[in-house]
């Protein structure tokens, strides 16, 4: 039974990933061959169950106390699952990180495969910054067939908790959970070619000299919410 379940699971993922050939993230996802077992599997199931039960009201307030269509719409597979405000863990960091959600694609920060050259661009003027590899976008569009198949599988009533945990692991294993440190973009030199991305000289200065970004890289993961006086030190 267990072998048959794994065979069906792998067949679905092969069908899913071949729909969008050349996508770096889907290729990395398909290459995952080892999965959690035993206590590690139980812990992953517990985390998935806990995440599904979270409904913290204070996280519903968008950055800067307003939300535009750019922040609100699910434009990628990541956003279809994680929503417009994906960062929840750290009270000290999440507000600042969530301000990026509509301006930088998730995989710019969370997919940094060693030895693989990535290019960062803005396909639409004033749109979100995206990562590309070999001329192909890295992010999976929200309306791509691959995204639909993955979400249909995730939401299927027949999917056991163990199978859902393996799918979760496959989706997230290629990613860096912590993401790129703020200083790699908000500093000099920057990971991003801000001028080529269309930022004005003043905007580039504001990004490089952002005091909050400097603080976020220093703060502990479980620190209390950011206090203004700490930025002035």
Protein backbone atom coordinates (compact mmCIF):
# COMPACT_ATOMS: atom_id res chain seq x y z
CA UNK A 1 0.00 0.00 0.00
CA UNK A 2 2.75 2.42 0.98
CA UNK A 3 4.69 1.64 -2.23
CA UNK A 4 1.58 2.16 -4.35
CA UNK A 5 0.93 5.53 -2.69
CA UNK A 6 4.48 6.68 -3.38
CA UNK A 7 4.22 5.55 -7.00
CA UNK A 8 1.00 7.53 -7.54
CA UNK A 9 2.49 10.54 -5.74
CA UNK A 10 5.62 10.54 -7.95
CA UNK A 11 3.54 10.09 -11.09
CA UNK A 12 1.46 13.15 -10.23
CA UNK A 13 4.54 15.27 -9.64
CA UNK A 14 6.15 14.17 -12.88
CA UNK A 15 2.96 15.16 -14.69
CA UNK A 16 2.90 18.48 -12.87
CA UNK A 17 6.49 19.49 -13.49
CA UNK A 18 6.64 18.57 -17.14
CA UNK A 19 3.80 20.99 -17.87
CA UNK A 20 6.16 23.94 -17.53
CA UNK A 21 9.44 22.71 -18.96
CA UNK A 22 12.56 24.71 -18.19
CA UNK A 23 11.32 26.18 -14.90
CA UNK A 24 14.20 26.06 -12.41
CA UNK A 25 12.00 25.78 -9.31
CA UNK A 26 9.91 22.93 -10.73
CA UNK A 27 13.06 21.12 -11.83
CA UNK A 28 14.51 21.44 -8.32
CA UNK A 29 11.23 20.29 -6.81
CA UNK A 30 11.13 17.22 -9.07
CA UNK A 31 14.72 16.35 -8.08
CA UNK A 32 13.81 15.91 -4.39
CA UNK A 33 14.15 12.19 -3.61
CA UNK A 34 14.44 11.96 0.19
CA UNK A 35 11.57 12.63 2.58
CA UNK A 36 11.13 12.94 6.34
CA UNK A 37 10.55 9.75 8.31
CA UNK A 38 9.60 8.88 11.86
CA UNK A 39 9.67 11.74 14.36
CA UNK A 40 10.70 14.23 11.68
CA UNK A 41 7.57 13.30 9.69
CA UNK A 42 5.37 13.68 12.79
CA UNK A 43 6.83 17.13 13.46
CA UNK A 44 6.19 18.23 9.87
CA UNK A 45 2.57 17.04 10.09
CA UNK A 46 2.17 18.94 13.37
CA UNK A 47 3.53 22.13 11.75
CA UNK A 48 1.18 21.81 8.77
CA UNK A 49 -1.81 21.27 11.07
CA UNK A 50 -0.82 24.24 13.24
CA UNK A 51 -0.35 26.49 10.21
CA UNK A 52 -3.82 25.62 8.96
CA UNK A 53 -5.33 26.64 12.29
CA UNK A 54 -3.61 30.05 12.47
CA UNK A 55 -5.84 33.08 12.09
CA UNK A 56 -4.06 35.98 13.86
CA UNK A 57 -6.23 39.06 13.34
CA UNK A 58 -3.47 41.59 13.72
CA UNK A 59 -1.71 40.17 10.65
CA UNK A 60 -4.68 41.19 8.50
CA UNK A 61 -3.52 44.84 8.55
CA UNK A 62 -1.56 45.35 5.34
CA UNK A 63 1.78 47.22 5.18
CA UNK A 64 1.41 50.98 5.67
CA UNK A 65 -2.22 50.38 6.69
CA UNK A 66 -3.49 50.06 3.16
CA UNK A 67 -3.49 47.45 0.47
CA UNK A 68 -3.23 47.93 -3.26
CA UNK A 69 -4.08 45.39 -5.94
CA UNK A 70 -0.33 44.73 -6.28
CA UNK A 71 -0.14 43.40 -2.71
CA UNK A 72 -3.51 41.66 -2.76
CA UNK A 73 -3.54 39.50 -5.86
CA UNK A 74 -2.07 36.01 -5.93
CA UNK A 75 0.33 36.23 -8.86
CA UNK A 76 2.43 33.10 -8.15
CA UNK A 77 2.06 29.60 -6.75
CA UNK A 78 3.71 30.77 -3.50
CA UNK A 79 1.11 33.49 -2.97
CA UNK A 80 -1.81 31.14 -3.67
CA UNK A 81 -0.84 29.20 -0.54
CA UNK A 82 0.84 31.81 1.66
CA UNK A 83 -1.33 34.82 0.82
CA UNK A 84 -0.48 38.51 0.67
CA UNK A 85 1.24 38.56 4.09
CA UNK A 86 3.39 35.41 4.11
CA UNK A 87 5.78 36.28 6.96
CA UNK A 88 4.28 35.45 10.35
CA UNK A 89 6.89 33.88 12.60
CA UNK A 90 8.91 36.78 13.94
CA UNK A 91 7.05 39.71 15.57
CA UNK A 92 10.15 41.87 15.14
CA UNK A 93 10.64 41.16 11.43
CA UNK A 94 7.32 40.28 9.85
CA UNK A 95 5.92 43.77 9.21
CA UNK A 96 9.09 44.87 7.38
CA UNK A 97 9.33 41.62 5.41
CA UNK A 98 5.66 41.70 4.42
CA UNK A 99 6.14 45.16 2.92
CA UNK A 100 8.15 43.37 0.22
CA UNK A 101 5.46 40.84 -0.68
CA UNK A 102 3.95 42.81 -3.56
CA UNK A 103 7.26 44.28 -4.72
CA UNK A 104 9.65 41.32 -4.81
CA UNK A 105 8.75 37.79 -5.85
CA UNK A 106 9.21 35.23 -3.07
CA UNK A 107 11.86 33.25 -4.97
CA UNK A 108 14.17 36.25 -5.29
CA UNK A 109 14.92 35.78 -1.59
CA UNK A 110 14.06 32.13 -1.02
CA UNK A 111 15.61 30.36 -4.02
CA UNK A 112 19.38 30.83 -4.18
CA UNK A 113 20.79 27.55 -5.56
CA UNK A 114 24.55 27.33 -5.23
CA UNK A 115 26.39 27.64 -8.52
CA UNK A 116 23.30 28.57 -10.52
CA UNK A 117 23.37 32.08 -12.04
CA UNK A 118 20.16 34.06 -11.63
CA UNK A 119 19.11 37.32 -13.23
CA UNK A 120 16.84 39.83 -11.51
CA UNK A 121 14.50 42.01 -13.52
CA UNK A 122 11.20 43.87 -13.54
CA UNK A 123 9.22 42.66 -16.58
CA UNK A 124 6.57 45.32 -15.94
CA UNK A 125 7.49 48.93 -15.14
CA UNK A 126 6.94 49.51 -11.41
CA UNK A 127 6.03 45.83 -11.09
CA UNK A 128 7.56 43.26 -8.74
CA UNK A 129 11.21 42.24 -9.08
CA UNK A 130 11.51 38.67 -10.35
CA UNK A 131 14.27 36.10 -10.72
CA UNK A 132 15.00 34.35 -13.99
CA UNK A 133 17.35 31.57 -15.09
CA UNK A 134 18.45 30.95 -18.68
CA UNK A 135 15.84 33.42 -19.87
CA UNK A 136 12.95 31.70 -18.06
CA UNK A 137 11.08 33.08 -15.05
CA UNK A 138 11.81 31.13 -11.86
CA UNK A 139 8.44 31.77 -10.20
CA UNK A 140 5.49 29.57 -11.17
CA UNK A 141 2.55 31.80 -12.21
CA UNK A 142 -0.58 31.42 -10.09
CA UNK A 143 -2.64 30.44 -13.14
CA UNK A 144 -0.12 27.97 -14.59
CA UNK A 145 -1.37 24.39 -15.09
CA UNK A 146 1.41 23.20 -12.77
CA UNK A 147 0.10 25.47 -9.98
CA UNK A 148 -3.47 24.26 -10.51
CA UNK A 149 -2.41 20.61 -10.34
CA UNK A 150 -0.37 21.11 -7.16
CA UNK A 151 -3.21 22.98 -5.42
CA UNK A 152 -5.79 20.42 -6.53
CA UNK A 153 -3.60 17.70 -5.07
CA UNK A 154 -3.05 19.62 -1.82
CA UNK A 155 -6.75 20.27 -1.31
CA UNK A 156 -7.87 16.77 -2.30
CA UNK A 157 -9.96 15.06 0.36
CA UNK A 158 -8.31 11.69 -0.31
CA UNK A 159 -4.79 12.93 0.49
CA UNK A 160 -3.46 11.43 3.73
CA UNK A 161 -1.55 13.53 6.22
CA UNK A 162 1.66 11.67 5.36
CA UNK A 163 1.19 12.26 1.62
CA UNK A 164 0.44 15.93 2.23
CA UNK A 165 3.59 16.22 4.36
CA UNK A 166 5.69 14.68 1.56
CA UNK A 167 4.19 17.12 -0.94
CA UNK A 168 4.91 20.01 1.45
CA UNK A 169 8.50 18.80 1.82
CA UNK A 170 8.97 18.52 -1.93
CA UNK A 171 7.60 22.03 -2.49
CA UNK A 172 9.83 23.61 0.17
CA UNK A 173 13.02 21.54 0.09
CA UNK A 174 14.58 23.58 -2.79
CA UNK A 175 14.06 26.80 -0.82
CA UNK A 176 16.04 28.68 1.80
CA UNK A 177 13.54 29.06 4.62
CA UNK A 178 15.27 32.06 6.18
CA UNK A 179 15.72 33.90 2.89
CA UNK A 180 18.39 36.35 1.80
CA UNK A 181 19.74 38.64 4.56
CA UNK A 182 18.39 42.18 4.19
CA UNK A 183 21.89 43.64 3.82
CA UNK A 184 22.50 41.78 0.57
CA UNK A 185 20.01 44.07 -1.19
CA UNK A 186 19.90 47.01 1.22
CA UNK A 187 23.62 47.68 1.07
CA UNK A 188 26.63 48.24 -1.16
CA UNK A 189 27.33 46.23 -3.22
CA UNK A 190 23.79 45.01 -3.73
CA UNK A 191 22.53 41.69 -5.02
CA UNK A 192 20.21 43.73 -7.26
CA UNK A 193 21.28 46.12 -10.01
CA UNK A 194 18.94 48.83 -8.82
CA UNK A 195 19.72 51.20 -11.66
CA UNK A 196 19.01 48.55 -14.29
CA UNK A 197 15.76 47.76 -12.47
CA UNK A 198 14.61 51.32 -13.05
CA UNK A 199 15.04 52.91 -9.61
CA UNK A 200 15.90 56.60 -9.51
CA UNK A 201 19.04 57.86 -7.82
CA UNK A 202 17.05 58.92 -4.74
CA UNK A 203 15.24 55.57 -4.58
CA UNK A 204 18.54 53.71 -4.81
CA UNK A 205 19.95 55.76 -1.95
CA UNK A 206 16.86 55.10 0.20
CA UNK A 207 17.11 51.35 -0.44
CA UNK A 208 20.85 51.19 0.33
CA UNK A 209 20.60 53.35 3.45
CA UNK A 210 17.44 51.81 4.90
CA UNK A 211 17.95 51.86 8.66
CA UNK A 212 15.24 49.30 9.37
CA UNK A 213 16.92 46.76 7.06
CA UNK A 214 20.17 47.12 9.00
CA UNK A 215 18.32 46.51 12.26
CA UNK A 216 16.40 43.48 10.96
CA UNK A 217 19.62 41.59 10.17
CA UNK A 218 20.75 42.05 13.78
CA UNK A 219 17.54 41.27 15.64
CA UNK A 220 16.93 37.87 17.21
CA UNK A 221 14.25 35.66 15.66
CA UNK A 222 12.02 35.70 18.76
CA UNK A 223 12.64 39.32 19.72
CA UNK A 224 9.69 41.56 20.70
CA UNK A 225 8.22 43.99 18.14
CA UNK A 226 10.50 46.73 16.85
CA UNK A 227 10.69 49.92 18.92
CA UNK A 228 11.40 53.24 17.23
CA UNK A 229 14.09 54.18 19.75
CA UNK A 230 16.11 51.12 18.71
CA UNK A 231 16.43 52.51 15.18
CA UNK A 232 17.92 55.74 16.49
CA UNK A 233 20.84 54.12 18.28
